[in-house]
Amino acid sequence: MLKELIRQIHWALGLTLGLVLTVMGVTGTITAFDDEILRALDRGVIQVAPRQAPRFRPTPSWRASPPSALEPSQPC
């Protein structure tokens, strides 16, 4: 009976610790090869070609609201 209890405890601890160590190993490998994984998965995303369009410059009306828009509206 004691031998069976020890065997069950050993089995449960072994599975639990094995799962924890497996997760730690996989996440450590992902962290170590992070750059290589990103390069393999996102080939077109990491390197973006520059646009030939002119830079966007907002007009002065977009920079500040006109004074009439800041005043409260008059009741009808």
PDB file of N, CA and C in Angstrom:
ATOM      1  N   MET A   1       0.812  -1.183   0.000  1.00  0.00           N
ATOM      2  CA  MET A   1       0.000   0.000   0.000  1.00  0.00           C
ATOM      3  C   MET A   1       0.862   1.257   0.000  1.00  0.00           C
ATOM      4  N   LEU A   2       1.901   1.309   0.804  1.00  0.00           N
ATOM      5  CA  LEU A   2       2.797   2.459   0.837  1.00  0.00           C
ATOM      6  C   LEU A   2       3.550   2.576  -0.482  1.00  0.00           C
ATOM      7  N   LYS A   3       3.916   1.426  -1.039  1.00  0.00           N
ATOM      8  CA  LYS A   3       4.631   1.421  -2.314  1.00  0.00           C
ATOM      9  C   LYS A   3       3.742   1.998  -3.427  1.00  0.00           C
ATOM     10  N   GLU A   4       2.464   1.680  -3.437  1.00  0.00           N
ATOM     11  CA  GLU A   4       1.526   2.211  -4.433  1.00  0.00           C
ATOM     12  C   GLU A   4       1.342   3.713  -4.257  1.00  0.00           C
ATOM     13  N   LEU A   5       1.269   4.200  -3.026  1.00  0.00           N
ATOM     14  CA  LEU A   5       1.126   5.636  -2.758  1.00  0.00           C
ATOM     15  C   LEU A   5       2.356   6.398  -3.247  1.00  0.00           C
ATOM     16  N   ILE A   6       3.534   5.867  -2.963  1.00  0.00           N
ATOM     17  CA  ILE A   6       4.772   6.513  -3.418  1.00  0.00           C
ATOM     18  C   ILE A   6       4.827   6.522  -4.948  1.00  0.00           C
ATOM     19  N   ARG A   7       4.388   5.435  -5.566  1.00  0.00           N
ATOM     20  CA  ARG A   7       4.381   5.374  -7.025  1.00  0.00           C
ATOM     21  C   ARG A   7       3.440   6.414  -7.619  1.00  0.00           C
ATOM     22  N   GLN A   8       2.263   6.616  -7.046  1.00  0.00           N
ATOM     23  CA  GLN A   8       1.312   7.603  -7.546  1.00  0.00           C
ATOM     24  C   GLN A   8       1.834   9.030  -7.345  1.00  0.00           C
ATOM     25  N   ILE A   9       2.467   9.288  -6.196  1.00  0.00           N
ATOM     26  CA  ILE A   9       3.052  10.617  -5.953  1.00  0.00           C
ATOM     27  C   ILE A   9       4.177  10.880  -6.948  1.00  0.00           C
ATOM     28  N   HIS A  10       5.014   9.892  -7.163  1.00  0.00           N
ATOM     29  CA  HIS A  10       6.118  10.029  -8.112  1.00  0.00           C
ATOM     30  C   HIS A  10       5.580  10.267  -9.527  1.00  0.00           C
ATOM     31  N   TRP A  11       4.515   9.563  -9.906  1.00  0.00           N
ATOM     32  CA  TRP A  11       3.905   9.717 -11.226  1.00  0.00           C
ATOM     33  C   TRP A  11       3.330  11.125 -11.388  1.00  0.00           C
ATOM     34  N   ALA A  12       2.591  11.634 -10.400  1.00  0.00           N
ATOM     35  CA  ALA A  12       1.966  12.956 -10.475  1.00  0.00           C
ATOM     36  C   ALA A  12       3.023  14.060 -10.515  1.00  0.00           C
ATOM     37  N   LEU A  13       4.040  13.946  -9.639  1.00  0.00           N
ATOM     38  CA  LEU A  13       5.098  14.960  -9.637  1.00  0.00           C
ATOM     39  C   LEU A  13       5.904  14.922 -10.933  1.00  0.00           C
ATOM     40  N   GLY A  14       6.146  13.736 -11.444  1.00  0.00           N
ATOM     41  CA  GLY A  14       6.892  13.613 -12.686  1.00  0.00           C
ATOM     42  C   GLY A  14       6.166  14.240 -13.863  1.00  0.00           C
ATOM     43  N   LEU A  15       4.875  14.002 -13.981  1.00  0.00           N
ATOM     44  CA  LEU A  15       4.100  14.614 -15.062  1.00  0.00           C
ATOM     45  C   LEU A  15       4.018  16.127 -14.900  1.00  0.00           C
ATOM     46  N   THR A  16       3.806  16.588 -13.683  1.00  0.00           N
ATOM     47  CA  THR A  16       3.695  18.029 -13.448  1.00  0.00           C
ATOM     48  C   THR A  16       5.007  18.731 -13.755  1.00  0.00           C
ATOM     49  N   LEU A  17       6.096  18.235 -13.203  1.00  0.00           N
ATOM     50  CA  LEU A  17       7.390  18.863 -13.451  1.00  0.00           C
ATOM     51  C   LEU A  17       7.825  18.703 -14.902  1.00  0.00           C
ATOM     52  N   GLY A  18       7.498  17.600 -15.521  1.00  0.00           N
ATOM     53  CA  GLY A  18       7.816  17.423 -16.934  1.00  0.00           C
ATOM     54  C   GLY A  18       7.098  18.439 -17.805  1.00  0.00           C
ATOM     55  N   LEU A  19       5.835  18.701 -17.504  1.00  0.00           N
ATOM     56  CA  LEU A  19       5.083  19.711 -18.247  1.00  0.00           C
ATOM     57  C   LEU A  19       5.677  21.100 -18.046  1.00  0.00           C
ATOM     58  N   VAL A  20       6.012  21.439 -16.803  1.00  0.00           N
ATOM     59  CA  VAL A  20       6.610  22.747 -16.511  1.00  0.00           C
ATOM     60  C   VAL A  20       7.941  22.896 -17.238  1.00  0.00           C
ATOM     61  N   LEU A  21       8.788  21.898 -17.194  1.00  0.00           N
ATOM     62  CA  LEU A  21      10.088  21.980 -17.857  1.00  0.00           C
ATOM     63  C   LEU A  21       9.942  22.034 -19.379  1.00  0.00           C
ATOM     64  N   THR A  22       8.943  21.353 -19.910  1.00  0.00           N
ATOM     65  CA  THR A  22       8.699  21.415 -21.350  1.00  0.00           C
ATOM     66  C   THR A  22       8.276  22.814 -21.776  1.00  0.00           C
ATOM     67  N   VAL A  23       7.375  23.416 -21.031  1.00  0.00           N
ATOM     68  CA  VAL A  23       6.939  24.783 -21.340  1.00  0.00           C
ATOM     69  C   VAL A  23       8.108  25.749 -21.222  1.00  0.00           C
ATOM     70  N   MET A  24       8.930  25.609 -20.193  1.00  0.00           N
ATOM     71  CA  MET A  24      10.090  26.479 -20.038  1.00  0.00           C
ATOM     72  C   MET A  24      11.069  26.300 -21.195  1.00  0.00           C
ATOM     73  N   GLY A  25      11.269  25.079 -21.635  1.00  0.00           N
ATOM     74  CA  GLY A  25      12.176  24.825 -22.747  1.00  0.00           C
ATOM     75  C   GLY A  25      11.672  25.407 -24.054  1.00  0.00           C
ATOM     76  N   VAL A  26      10.382  25.252 -24.328  1.00  0.00           N
ATOM     77  CA  VAL A  26       9.814  25.776 -25.576  1.00  0.00           C
ATOM     78  C   VAL A  26       9.841  27.306 -25.577  1.00  0.00           C
ATOM     79  N   THR A  27       9.437  27.928 -24.479  1.00  0.00           N
ATOM     80  CA  THR A  27       9.451  29.392 -24.440  1.00  0.00           C
ATOM     81  C   THR A  27      10.872  29.936 -24.473  1.00  0.00           C
ATOM     82  N   GLY A  28      11.815  29.253 -23.871  1.00  0.00           N
ATOM     83  CA  GLY A  28      13.210  29.677 -23.943  1.00  0.00           C
ATOM     84  C   GLY A  28      13.756  29.583 -25.348  1.00  0.00           C
ATOM     85  N   THR A  29      13.381  28.536 -26.065  1.00  0.00           N
ATOM     86  CA  THR A  29      13.805  28.393 -27.450  1.00  0.00           C
ATOM     87  C   THR A  29      13.200  29.469 -28.325  1.00  0.00           C
ATOM     88  N   ILE A  30      11.942  29.782 -28.108  1.00  0.00           N
ATOM     89  CA  ILE A  30      11.294  30.858 -28.868  1.00  0.00           C
ATOM     90  C   ILE A  30      11.986  32.188 -28.588  1.00  0.00           C
ATOM     91  N   THR A  31      12.337  32.442 -27.340  1.00  0.00           N
ATOM     92  CA  THR A  31      13.031  33.677 -26.999  1.00  0.00           C
ATOM     93  C   THR A  31      14.418  33.720 -27.625  1.00  0.00           C
ATOM     94  N   ALA A  32      15.129  32.617 -27.629  1.00  0.00           N
ATOM     95  CA  ALA A  32      16.481  32.587 -28.181  1.00  0.00           C
ATOM     96  C   ALA A  32      16.487  32.789 -29.688  1.00  0.00           C
ATOM     97  N   PHE A  33      15.493  32.248 -30.374  1.00  0.00           N
ATOM     98  CA  PHE A  33      15.435  32.350 -31.829  1.00  0.00           C
ATOM     99  C   PHE A  33      14.368  33.339 -32.288  1.00  0.00           C
ATOM    100  N   ASP A  34      14.115  34.366 -31.509  1.00  0.00           N
ATOM    101  CA  ASP A  34      13.074  35.346 -31.791  1.00  0.00           C
ATOM    102  C   ASP A  34      13.294  36.032 -33.139  1.00  0.00           C
ATOM    103  N   ASP A  35      14.492  36.518 -33.412  1.00  0.00           N
ATOM    104  CA  ASP A  35      14.764  37.216 -34.668  1.00  0.00           C
ATOM    105  C   ASP A  35      14.579  36.299 -35.868  1.00  0.00           C
ATOM    106  N   GLU A  36      15.078  35.077 -35.779  1.00  0.00           N
ATOM    107  CA  GLU A  36      14.962  34.146 -36.883  1.00  0.00           C
ATOM    108  C   GLU A  36      13.505  33.771 -37.154  1.00  0.00           C
ATOM    109  N   ILE A  37      12.725  33.606 -36.091  1.00  0.00           N
ATOM    110  CA  ILE A  37      11.310  33.253 -36.239  1.00  0.00           C
ATOM    111  C   ILE A  37      10.557  34.405 -36.900  1.00  0.00           C
ATOM    112  N   LEU A  38      10.821  35.644 -36.456  1.00  0.00           N
ATOM    113  CA  LEU A  38      10.150  36.794 -37.044  1.00  0.00           C
ATOM    114  C   LEU A  38      10.521  36.965 -38.512  1.00  0.00           C
ATOM    115  N   ARG A  39      11.788  36.771 -38.841  1.00  0.00           N
ATOM    116  CA  ARG A  39      12.203  36.883 -40.238  1.00  0.00           C
ATOM    117  C   ARG A  39      11.526  35.824 -41.103  1.00  0.00           C
ATOM    118  N   ALA A  40      11.367  34.625 -40.584  1.00  0.00           N
ATOM    119  CA  ALA A  40      10.749  33.553 -41.362  1.00  0.00           C
ATOM    120  C   ALA A  40       9.240  33.762 -41.538  1.00  0.00           C
ATOM    121  N   LEU A  41       8.567  34.290 -40.524  1.00  0.00           N
ATOM    122  CA  LEU A  41       7.116  34.440 -40.584  1.00  0.00           C
ATOM    123  C   LEU A  41       6.658  35.723 -41.255  1.00  0.00           C
ATOM    124  N   ASP A  42       7.412  36.800 -41.111  1.00  0.00           N
ATOM    125  CA  ASP A  42       6.985  38.119 -41.584  1.00  0.00           C
ATOM    126  C   ASP A  42       7.951  38.682 -42.612  1.00  0.00           C
ATOM    127  N   ARG A  43       8.170  37.977 -43.681  1.00  0.00           N
ATOM    128  CA  ARG A  43       9.143  38.429 -44.679  1.00  0.00           C
ATOM    129  C   ARG A  43       8.773  39.783 -45.280  1.00  0.00           C
ATOM    130  N   GLY A  44       7.545  39.990 -45.648  1.00  0.00           N
ATOM    131  CA  GLY A  44       7.141  41.240 -46.288  1.00  0.00           C
ATOM    132  C   GLY A  44       6.817  42.355 -45.318  1.00  0.00           C
ATOM    133  N   VAL A  45       6.667  42.039 -44.053  1.00  0.00           N
ATOM    134  CA  VAL A  45       6.257  43.052 -43.087  1.00  0.00           C
ATOM    135  C   VAL A  45       7.455  43.788 -42.504  1.00  0.00           C
ATOM    136  N   ILE A  46       8.540  43.092 -42.278  1.00  0.00           N
ATOM    137  CA  ILE A  46       9.688  43.712 -41.613  1.00  0.00           C
ATOM    138  C   ILE A  46      10.362  44.733 -42.518  1.00  0.00           C
ATOM    139  N   GLN A  47      10.501  44.448 -43.795  1.00  0.00           N
ATOM    140  CA  GLN A  47      11.135  45.370 -44.711  1.00  0.00           C
ATOM    141  C   GLN A  47      10.066  46.026 -45.568  1.00  0.00           C
ATOM    142  N   VAL A  48       9.902  47.323 -45.378  1.00  0.00           N
ATOM    143  CA  VAL A  48       8.882  48.083 -46.087  1.00  0.00           C
ATOM    144  C   VAL A  48       9.585  49.017 -47.063  1.00  0.00           C
ATOM    145  N   ALA A  49       9.142  49.021 -48.307  1.00  0.00           N
ATOM    146  CA  ALA A  49       9.727  49.901 -49.310  1.00  0.00           C
ATOM    147  C   ALA A  49       9.280  51.335 -49.051  1.00  0.00           C
ATOM    148  N   PRO A  50      10.170  52.307 -49.202  1.00  0.00           N
ATOM    149  CA  PRO A  50       9.771  53.704 -48.966  1.00  0.00           C
ATOM    150  C   PRO A  50       8.806  54.185 -50.045  1.00  0.00           C
ATOM    151  N   ARG A  51       7.884  55.050 -49.646  1.00  0.00           N
ATOM    152  CA  ARG A  51       6.918  55.598 -50.590  1.00  0.00           C
ATOM    153  C   ARG A  51       7.548  56.755 -51.349  1.00  0.00           C
ATOM    154  N   GLN A  52       7.105  56.956 -52.568  1.00  0.00           N
ATOM    155  CA  GLN A  52       7.600  58.051 -53.385  1.00  0.00           C
ATOM    156  C   GLN A  52       6.681  59.266 -53.309  1.00  0.00           C
ATOM    157  N   ALA A  53       5.588  59.177 -52.568  1.00  0.00           N
ATOM    158  CA  ALA A  53       4.635  60.284 -52.453  1.00  0.00           C
ATOM    159  C   ALA A  53       5.231  61.384 -51.578  1.00  0.00           C
ATOM    160  N   PRO A  54       4.784  62.624 -51.783  1.00  0.00           N
ATOM    161  CA  PRO A  54       5.279  63.711 -50.916  1.00  0.00           C
ATOM    162  C   PRO A  54       4.779  63.539 -49.489  1.00  0.00           C
ATOM    163  N   ARG A  55       5.483  64.135 -48.562  1.00  0.00           N
ATOM    164  CA  ARG A  55       5.088  64.037 -47.158  1.00  0.00           C
ATOM    165  C   ARG A  55       3.795  64.793 -46.912  1.00  0.00           C
ATOM    166  N   PHE A  56       3.018  64.297 -45.992  1.00  0.00           N
ATOM    167  CA  PHE A  56       1.756  64.935 -45.633  1.00  0.00           C
ATOM    168  C   PHE A  56       2.020  66.157 -44.768  1.00  0.00           C
ATOM    169  N   ARG A  57       1.444  67.273 -45.150  1.00  0.00           N
ATOM    170  CA  ARG A  57       1.548  68.495 -44.350  1.00  0.00           C
ATOM    171  C   ARG A  57       0.128  69.014 -44.123  1.00  0.00           C
ATOM    172  N   PRO A  58      -0.310  69.090 -42.877  1.00  0.00           N
ATOM    173  CA  PRO A  58      -1.675  69.555 -42.615  1.00  0.00           C
ATOM    174  C   PRO A  58      -1.821  71.038 -42.940  1.00  0.00           C
ATOM    175  N   THR A  59      -3.011  71.407 -43.368  1.00  0.00           N
ATOM    176  CA  THR A  59      -3.271  72.816 -43.643  1.00  0.00           C
ATOM    177  C   THR A  59      -3.460  73.550 -42.325  1.00  0.00           C
ATOM    178  N   PRO A  60      -3.293  74.872 -42.319  1.00  0.00           N
ATOM    179  CA  PRO A  60      -3.452  75.614 -41.057  1.00  0.00           C
ATOM    180  C   PRO A  60      -4.831  75.467 -40.432  1.00  0.00           C
ATOM    181  N   SER A  61      -5.878  75.227 -41.233  1.00  0.00           N
ATOM    182  CA  SER A  61      -7.213  75.086 -40.645  1.00  0.00           C
ATOM    183  C   SER A  61      -7.327  73.818 -39.807  1.00  0.00           C
ATOM    184  N   TRP A  62      -6.468  72.820 -40.033  1.00  0.00           N
ATOM    185  CA  TRP A  62      -6.503  71.591 -39.246  1.00  0.00           C
ATOM    186  C   TRP A  62      -5.739  71.739 -37.947  1.00  0.00           C
ATOM    187  N   ARG A  63      -4.839  72.674 -37.875  1.00  0.00           N
ATOM    188  CA  ARG A  63      -4.004  72.815 -36.683  1.00  0.00           C
ATOM    189  C   ARG A  63      -4.773  73.416 -35.513  1.00  0.00           C
ATOM    190  N   ALA A  64      -5.628  74.370 -35.784  1.00  0.00           N
ATOM    191  CA  ALA A  64      -6.387  75.015 -34.714  1.00  0.00           C
ATOM    192  C   ALA A  64      -7.820  75.213 -35.166  1.00  0.00           C
ATOM    193  N   SER A  65      -8.751  75.100 -34.251  1.00  0.00           N
ATOM    194  CA  SER A  65     -10.155  75.313 -34.569  1.00  0.00           C
ATOM    195  C   SER A  65     -10.427  76.806 -34.644  1.00  0.00           C
ATOM    196  N   PRO A  66     -11.341  77.217 -35.501  1.00  0.00           N
ATOM    197  CA  PRO A  66     -11.687  78.639 -35.549  1.00  0.00           C
ATOM    198  C   PRO A  66     -12.348  79.072 -34.244  1.00  0.00           C
ATOM    199  N   PRO A  67     -12.229  80.324 -33.876  1.00  0.00           N
ATOM    200  CA  PRO A  67     -12.789  80.784 -32.594  1.00  0.00           C
ATOM    201  C   PRO A  67     -14.289  80.545 -32.480  1.00  0.00           C
ATOM    202  N   SER A  68     -15.036  80.597 -33.577  1.00  0.00           N
ATOM    203  CA  SER A  68     -16.476  80.390 -33.488  1.00  0.00           C
ATOM    204  C   SER A  68     -16.825  78.956 -33.082  1.00  0.00           C
ATOM    205  N   ALA A  69     -15.981  78.013 -33.385  1.00  0.00           N
ATOM    206  CA  ALA A  69     -16.262  76.628 -33.028  1.00  0.00           C
ATOM    207  C   ALA A  69     -16.041  76.387 -31.533  1.00  0.00           C
ATOM    208  N   LEU A  70     -15.248  77.230 -30.887  1.00  0.00           N
ATOM    209  CA  LEU A  70     -14.978  77.050 -29.466  1.00  0.00           C
ATOM    210  C   LEU A  70     -16.047  77.670 -28.577  1.00  0.00           C
ATOM    211  N   GLU A  71     -16.824  78.611 -29.099  1.00  0.00           N
ATOM    212  CA  GLU A  71     -17.852  79.264 -28.310  1.00  0.00           C
ATOM    213  C   GLU A  71     -19.093  78.389 -28.227  1.00  0.00           C
ATOM    214  N   PRO A  72     -19.838  78.438 -27.106  1.00  0.00           N
ATOM    215  CA  PRO A  72     -21.047  77.625 -27.014  1.00  0.00           C
ATOM    216  C   PRO A  72     -22.100  78.126 -27.987  1.00  0.00           C
ATOM    217  N   SER A  73     -22.922  77.225 -28.477  1.00  0.00           N
ATOM    218  CA  SER A  73     -23.940  77.599 -29.453  1.00  0.00           C
ATOM    219  C   SER A  73     -25.071  78.362 -28.780  1.00  0.00           C
ATOM    220  N   GLN A  74     -25.746  79.199 -29.564  1.00  0.00           N
ATOM    221  CA  GLN A  74     -26.861  79.984 -29.066  1.00  0.00           C
ATOM    222  C   GLN A  74     -28.119  79.143 -29.090  1.00  0.00           C
ATOM    223  N   PRO A  75     -28.976  79.249 -28.064  1.00  0.00           N
ATOM    224  CA  PRO A  75     -30.238  78.495 -28.091  1.00  0.00           C
ATOM    225  C   PRO A  75     -31.168  79.044 -29.169  1.00  0.00           C
ATOM    226  N   CYS A  76     -32.019  78.180 -29.723  1.00  0.00           N
ATOM    227  CA  CYS A  76     -32.932  78.588 -30.797  1.00  0.00           C
ATOM    228  C   CYS A  76     -34.101  79.337 -30.262  1.00  0.00           C
TER     229      CYS A  76
END
